[in-house]
């Protein structure tokens, strides 16, 4: 059922984050490594759905596995498909069909954008930029990417949910 998306991103240790996505029928949780700039990549890909590219792909390193999110936007709806691959280093160029589909949902783009934006703002509110860097180690908090997503979301989405404008 569209419109029931929940998303969270929590730093869960030095170099690790817990990523959770759920709708009314199922949820998926992954423990993401800092080997890639995962939160930044996700924010950029969700923001990209507001542009001319209707398909965005983002991969999360689970050491050694890969979780690949494929976001397909048609009009204002996004199909979210999550695929798992056993080894990040051998799966990068493999087609999605070679992965195992582990989660799927269709959601309004405005809800996906809002959920990712709010989760990132929560991380910044809890840890601040310095605390994020101390926990995520290899990458700074993606302030510019979050500002861009917020700008596109406010410009392009008819979002009726409350927005915390004081965070950035």
C-alpha atoms as a PDB file:
ATOM      1  CA  UNK A   1       0.000   0.000   0.000  1.00  0.00           C
ATOM      2  CA  UNK A   2       1.614   3.310  -1.041  1.00  0.00           C
ATOM      3  CA  UNK A   3       2.101   6.097   1.466  1.00  0.00           C
ATOM      4  CA  UNK A   4       3.198   4.089   4.489  1.00  0.00           C
ATOM      5  CA  UNK A   5       6.981   4.325   4.255  1.00  0.00           C
ATOM      6  CA  UNK A   6       9.288   4.390   7.270  1.00  0.00           C
ATOM      7  CA  UNK A   7      13.026   4.921   6.974  1.00  0.00           C
ATOM      8  CA  UNK A   8      15.802   5.318   9.529  1.00  0.00           C
ATOM      9  CA  UNK A   9      19.576   5.612   9.512  1.00  0.00           C
ATOM     10  CA  UNK A  10      21.333   5.198  12.843  1.00  0.00           C
ATOM     11  CA  UNK A  11      25.052   5.206  13.508  1.00  0.00           C
ATOM     12  CA  UNK A  12      25.557   1.979  15.399  1.00  0.00           C
ATOM     13  CA  UNK A  13      29.276   1.935  16.080  1.00  0.00           C
ATOM     14  CA  UNK A  14      32.558   3.116  14.661  1.00  0.00           C
ATOM     15  CA  UNK A  15      32.139   2.775  10.908  1.00  0.00           C
ATOM     16  CA  UNK A  16      28.700   1.131  10.995  1.00  0.00           C
ATOM     17  CA  UNK A  17      25.131   2.276  10.501  1.00  0.00           C
ATOM     18  CA  UNK A  18      21.811   0.503  10.817  1.00  0.00           C
ATOM     19  CA  UNK A  19      19.604   1.231   7.832  1.00  0.00           C
ATOM     20  CA  UNK A  20      15.918   0.298   8.161  1.00  0.00           C
ATOM     21  CA  UNK A  21      13.173   0.659   5.585  1.00  0.00           C
ATOM     22  CA  UNK A  22       9.608  -0.557   6.071  1.00  0.00           C
ATOM     23  CA  UNK A  23       6.097  -0.299   4.727  1.00  0.00           C
ATOM     24  CA  UNK A  24       2.839  -1.765   6.001  1.00  0.00           C
ATOM     25  CA  UNK A  25       3.703  -5.288   4.834  1.00  0.00           C
ATOM     26  CA  UNK A  26       7.414  -5.801   5.522  1.00  0.00           C
ATOM     27  CA  UNK A  27      10.695  -4.285   6.584  1.00  0.00           C
ATOM     28  CA  UNK A  28      14.350  -4.640   5.742  1.00  0.00           C
ATOM     29  CA  UNK A  29      17.273  -3.843   8.015  1.00  0.00           C
ATOM     30  CA  UNK A  30      20.949  -3.793   7.060  1.00  0.00           C
ATOM     31  CA  UNK A  31      24.184  -3.048   8.865  1.00  0.00           C
ATOM     32  CA  UNK A  32      26.058  -0.768   6.475  1.00  0.00           C
ATOM     33  CA  UNK A  33      29.819  -0.237   6.453  1.00  0.00           C
ATOM     34  CA  UNK A  34      31.698   3.041   6.136  1.00  0.00           C
ATOM     35  CA  UNK A  35      33.751   1.618   3.250  1.00  0.00           C
ATOM     36  CA  UNK A  36      31.498   3.689   0.992  1.00  0.00           C
ATOM     37  CA  UNK A  37      29.877   7.055   1.665  1.00  0.00           C
ATOM     38  CA  UNK A  38      26.506   5.332   1.941  1.00  0.00           C
ATOM     39  CA  UNK A  39      24.276   8.028   3.438  1.00  0.00           C
ATOM     40  CA  UNK A  40      25.614  10.643   1.031  1.00  0.00           C
ATOM     41  CA  UNK A  41      25.135   8.293  -1.915  1.00  0.00           C
ATOM     42  CA  UNK A  42      21.539   7.581  -0.893  1.00  0.00           C
ATOM     43  CA  UNK A  43      20.697  11.269  -0.459  1.00  0.00           C
ATOM     44  CA  UNK A  44      22.186  12.064  -3.887  1.00  0.00           C
ATOM     45  CA  UNK A  45      20.221   9.246  -5.574  1.00  0.00           C
ATOM     46  CA  UNK A  46      16.911  10.232  -3.987  1.00  0.00           C
ATOM     47  CA  UNK A  47      17.525  13.856  -5.009  1.00  0.00           C
ATOM     48  CA  UNK A  48      18.295  12.578  -8.496  1.00  0.00           C
ATOM     49  CA  UNK A  49      14.722  11.321  -8.793  1.00  0.00           C
ATOM     50  CA  UNK A  50      13.667  14.981  -9.131  1.00  0.00           C
ATOM     51  CA  UNK A  51      15.753  15.296 -12.307  1.00  0.00           C
ATOM     52  CA  UNK A  52      15.600  13.758 -15.763  1.00  0.00           C
ATOM     53  CA  UNK A  53      17.032  10.369 -14.743  1.00  0.00           C
ATOM     54  CA  UNK A  54      14.149   8.106 -13.820  1.00  0.00           C
ATOM     55  CA  UNK A  55      16.287   5.231 -12.490  1.00  0.00           C
ATOM     56  CA  UNK A  56      18.770   5.632  -9.646  1.00  0.00           C
ATOM     57  CA  UNK A  57      20.954   2.940  -8.104  1.00  0.00           C
ATOM     58  CA  UNK A  58      22.802   2.996  -4.797  1.00  0.00           C
ATOM     59  CA  UNK A  59      24.898   0.238  -3.249  1.00  0.00           C
ATOM     60  CA  UNK A  60      25.671  -0.322   0.400  1.00  0.00           C
ATOM     61  CA  UNK A  61      28.720  -2.290   1.509  1.00  0.00           C
ATOM     62  CA  UNK A  62      27.859  -4.847   4.184  1.00  0.00           C
ATOM     63  CA  UNK A  63      31.379  -6.340   4.272  1.00  0.00           C
ATOM     64  CA  UNK A  64      31.507  -8.522   2.264  1.00  0.00           C
ATOM     65  CA  UNK A  65      27.968  -8.489   0.874  1.00  0.00           C
ATOM     66  CA  UNK A  66      26.343  -5.754  -1.206  1.00  0.00           C
ATOM     67  CA  UNK A  67      22.827  -4.416  -0.887  1.00  0.00           C
ATOM     68  CA  UNK A  68      21.704  -2.570  -3.997  1.00  0.00           C
ATOM     69  CA  UNK A  69      18.715  -0.255  -4.041  1.00  0.00           C
ATOM     70  CA  UNK A  70      17.154   0.388  -7.427  1.00  0.00           C
ATOM     71  CA  UNK A  71      14.792   3.361  -7.462  1.00  0.00           C
ATOM     72  CA  UNK A  72      12.543   3.714 -10.524  1.00  0.00           C
ATOM     73  CA  UNK A  73      10.461   6.862 -10.727  1.00  0.00           C
ATOM     74  CA  UNK A  74       7.436   7.100 -12.974  1.00  0.00           C
ATOM     75  CA  UNK A  75       5.472  10.310 -12.657  1.00  0.00           C
ATOM     76  CA  UNK A  76       5.356  10.819  -8.890  1.00  0.00           C
ATOM     77  CA  UNK A  77       5.625   7.149  -7.832  1.00  0.00           C
ATOM     78  CA  UNK A  78       8.868   5.334  -6.996  1.00  0.00           C
ATOM     79  CA  UNK A  79       9.355   1.601  -7.185  1.00  0.00           C
ATOM     80  CA  UNK A  80      11.966   0.628  -4.591  1.00  0.00           C
ATOM     81  CA  UNK A  81      13.654  -2.736  -5.146  1.00  0.00           C
ATOM     82  CA  UNK A  82      16.431  -4.020  -2.880  1.00  0.00           C
ATOM     83  CA  UNK A  83      18.761  -6.750  -4.112  1.00  0.00           C
ATOM     84  CA  UNK A  84      21.409  -8.639  -2.147  1.00  0.00           C
ATOM     85  CA  UNK A  85      24.668  -9.950  -3.577  1.00  0.00           C
ATOM     86  CA  UNK A  86      27.078 -12.148  -1.617  1.00  0.00           C
ATOM     87  CA  UNK A  87      30.250 -10.162  -2.403  1.00  0.00           C
ATOM     88  CA  UNK A  88      30.515  -6.414  -2.989  1.00  0.00           C
ATOM     89  CA  UNK A  89      33.785  -6.736  -4.903  1.00  0.00           C
ATOM     90  CA  UNK A  90      32.457  -9.186  -7.495  1.00  0.00           C
ATOM     91  CA  UNK A  91      28.899  -7.902  -7.872  1.00  0.00           C
ATOM     92  CA  UNK A  92      29.363  -4.251  -8.861  1.00  0.00           C
ATOM     93  CA  UNK A  93      28.958  -4.811 -12.621  1.00  0.00           C
ATOM     94  CA  UNK A  94      26.445  -7.628 -12.316  1.00  0.00           C
ATOM     95  CA  UNK A  95      22.864  -6.980 -13.410  1.00  0.00           C
ATOM     96  CA  UNK A  96      20.180  -6.732 -10.748  1.00  0.00           C
ATOM     97  CA  UNK A  97      18.749 -10.052 -11.940  1.00  0.00           C
ATOM     98  CA  UNK A  98      21.819 -11.848 -10.576  1.00  0.00           C
ATOM     99  CA  UNK A  99      21.057 -10.578  -7.083  1.00  0.00           C
ATOM    100  CA  UNK A 100      18.375 -11.834  -4.739  1.00  0.00           C
ATOM    101  CA  UNK A 101      15.347  -9.525  -4.541  1.00  0.00           C
ATOM    102  CA  UNK A 102      14.776  -9.123  -0.781  1.00  0.00           C
ATOM    103  CA  UNK A 103      12.379  -6.179  -0.541  1.00  0.00           C
ATOM    104  CA  UNK A 104      10.071  -4.201  -2.810  1.00  0.00           C
ATOM    105  CA  UNK A 105       7.638  -1.349  -2.335  1.00  0.00           C
ATOM    106  CA  UNK A 106       5.956   1.364  -4.371  1.00  0.00           C
ATOM    107  CA  UNK A 107       5.822   4.764  -2.703  1.00  0.00           C
ATOM    108  CA  UNK A 108       5.118   8.376  -3.610  1.00  0.00           C
ATOM    109  CA  UNK A 109       8.359  10.198  -4.441  1.00  0.00           C
ATOM    110  CA  UNK A 110       7.437  12.920  -1.974  1.00  0.00           C
ATOM    111  CA  UNK A 111       7.235  10.384   0.859  1.00  0.00           C
ATOM    112  CA  UNK A 112      10.564   8.737  -0.022  1.00  0.00           C
ATOM    113  CA  UNK A 113      12.281  12.126  -0.284  1.00  0.00           C
ATOM    114  CA  UNK A 114      10.759  13.275   2.986  1.00  0.00           C
ATOM    115  CA  UNK A 115      11.665  10.068   4.851  1.00  0.00           C
ATOM    116  CA  UNK A 116      15.310  10.082   3.712  1.00  0.00           C
ATOM    117  CA  UNK A 117      15.631  13.812   4.411  1.00  0.00           C
ATOM    118  CA  UNK A 118      14.164  13.459   7.919  1.00  0.00           C
ATOM    119  CA  UNK A 119      16.361  10.457   8.752  1.00  0.00           C
ATOM    120  CA  UNK A 120      19.502  12.317   7.656  1.00  0.00           C
ATOM    121  CA  UNK A 121      18.452  15.390   9.647  1.00  0.00           C
ATOM    122  CA  UNK A 122      17.949  13.162  12.706  1.00  0.00           C
ATOM    123  CA  UNK A 123      21.510  11.843  12.337  1.00  0.00           C
ATOM    124  CA  UNK A 124      22.836  15.402  12.117  1.00  0.00           C
ATOM    125  CA  UNK A 125      20.708  16.534  15.073  1.00  0.00           C
ATOM    126  CA  UNK A 126      21.901  13.641  17.253  1.00  0.00           C
ATOM    127  CA  UNK A 127      25.608  13.611  16.337  1.00  0.00           C
ATOM    128  CA  UNK A 128      26.436  16.953  14.724  1.00  0.00           C
ATOM    129  CA  UNK A 129      29.001  17.119  11.955  1.00  0.00           C
ATOM    130  CA  UNK A 130      31.965  16.384  14.245  1.00  0.00           C
ATOM    131  CA  UNK A 131      30.241  13.489  15.974  1.00  0.00           C
ATOM    132  CA  UNK A 132      29.197  12.007  12.630  1.00  0.00           C
ATOM    133  CA  UNK A 133      32.784  12.180  11.352  1.00  0.00           C
ATOM    134  CA  UNK A 134      34.075  10.612  14.566  1.00  0.00           C
ATOM    135  CA  UNK A 135      31.662   7.657  14.204  1.00  0.00           C
ATOM    136  CA  UNK A 136      31.552   7.319  10.394  1.00  0.00           C
ATOM    137  CA  UNK A 137      35.347   7.838  10.258  1.00  0.00           C
ATOM    138  CA  UNK A 138      36.125   8.055   6.531  1.00  0.00           C
ATOM    139  CA  UNK A 139      33.464  10.503   5.364  1.00  0.00           C
ATOM    140  CA  UNK A 140      32.047  13.818   6.619  1.00  0.00           C
ATOM    141  CA  UNK A 141      28.337  14.367   7.056  1.00  0.00           C
ATOM    142  CA  UNK A 142      26.795  15.146   3.626  1.00  0.00           C
ATOM    143  CA  UNK A 143      25.558  18.659   4.451  1.00  0.00           C
ATOM    144  CA  UNK A 144      25.492  19.913   0.836  1.00  0.00           C
ATOM    145  CA  UNK A 145      23.684  16.795  -0.402  1.00  0.00           C
ATOM    146  CA  UNK A 146      21.061  17.127   2.333  1.00  0.00           C
ATOM    147  CA  UNK A 147      20.574  20.822   1.554  1.00  0.00           C
ATOM    148  CA  UNK A 148      20.110  19.937  -2.124  1.00  0.00           C
ATOM    149  CA  UNK A 149      17.575  17.212  -1.334  1.00  0.00           C
ATOM    150  CA  UNK A 150      15.662  19.595   0.935  1.00  0.00           C
ATOM    151  CA  UNK A 151      15.639  22.299  -1.773  1.00  0.00           C
ATOM    152  CA  UNK A 152      14.384  19.869  -4.451  1.00  0.00           C
ATOM    153  CA  UNK A 153      11.836  18.316  -2.095  1.00  0.00           C
ATOM    154  CA  UNK A 154      10.402  21.700  -1.133  1.00  0.00           C
ATOM    155  CA  UNK A 155      10.387  22.867  -4.765  1.00  0.00           C
ATOM    156  CA  UNK A 156       9.103  19.755  -6.565  1.00  0.00           C
ATOM    157  CA  UNK A 157       7.066  17.726  -4.098  1.00  0.00           C
ATOM    158  CA  UNK A 158       3.657  18.638  -2.774  1.00  0.00           C
ATOM    159  CA  UNK A 159       4.531  17.430   0.689  1.00  0.00           C
ATOM    160  CA  UNK A 160       2.011  18.109   3.415  1.00  0.00           C
ATOM    161  CA  UNK A 161       4.135  16.603   6.192  1.00  0.00           C
ATOM    162  CA  UNK A 162       5.807  18.921   8.724  1.00  0.00           C
ATOM    163  CA  UNK A 163       9.328  20.095   7.886  1.00  0.00           C
ATOM    164  CA  UNK A 164      11.988  20.993  10.428  1.00  0.00           C
ATOM    165  CA  UNK A 165      13.652  23.937   8.735  1.00  0.00           C
ATOM    166  CA  UNK A 166      15.995  24.747  11.631  1.00  0.00           C
ATOM    167  CA  UNK A 167      18.301  21.747  11.243  1.00  0.00           C
ATOM    168  CA  UNK A 168      20.514  23.064   8.441  1.00  0.00           C
END
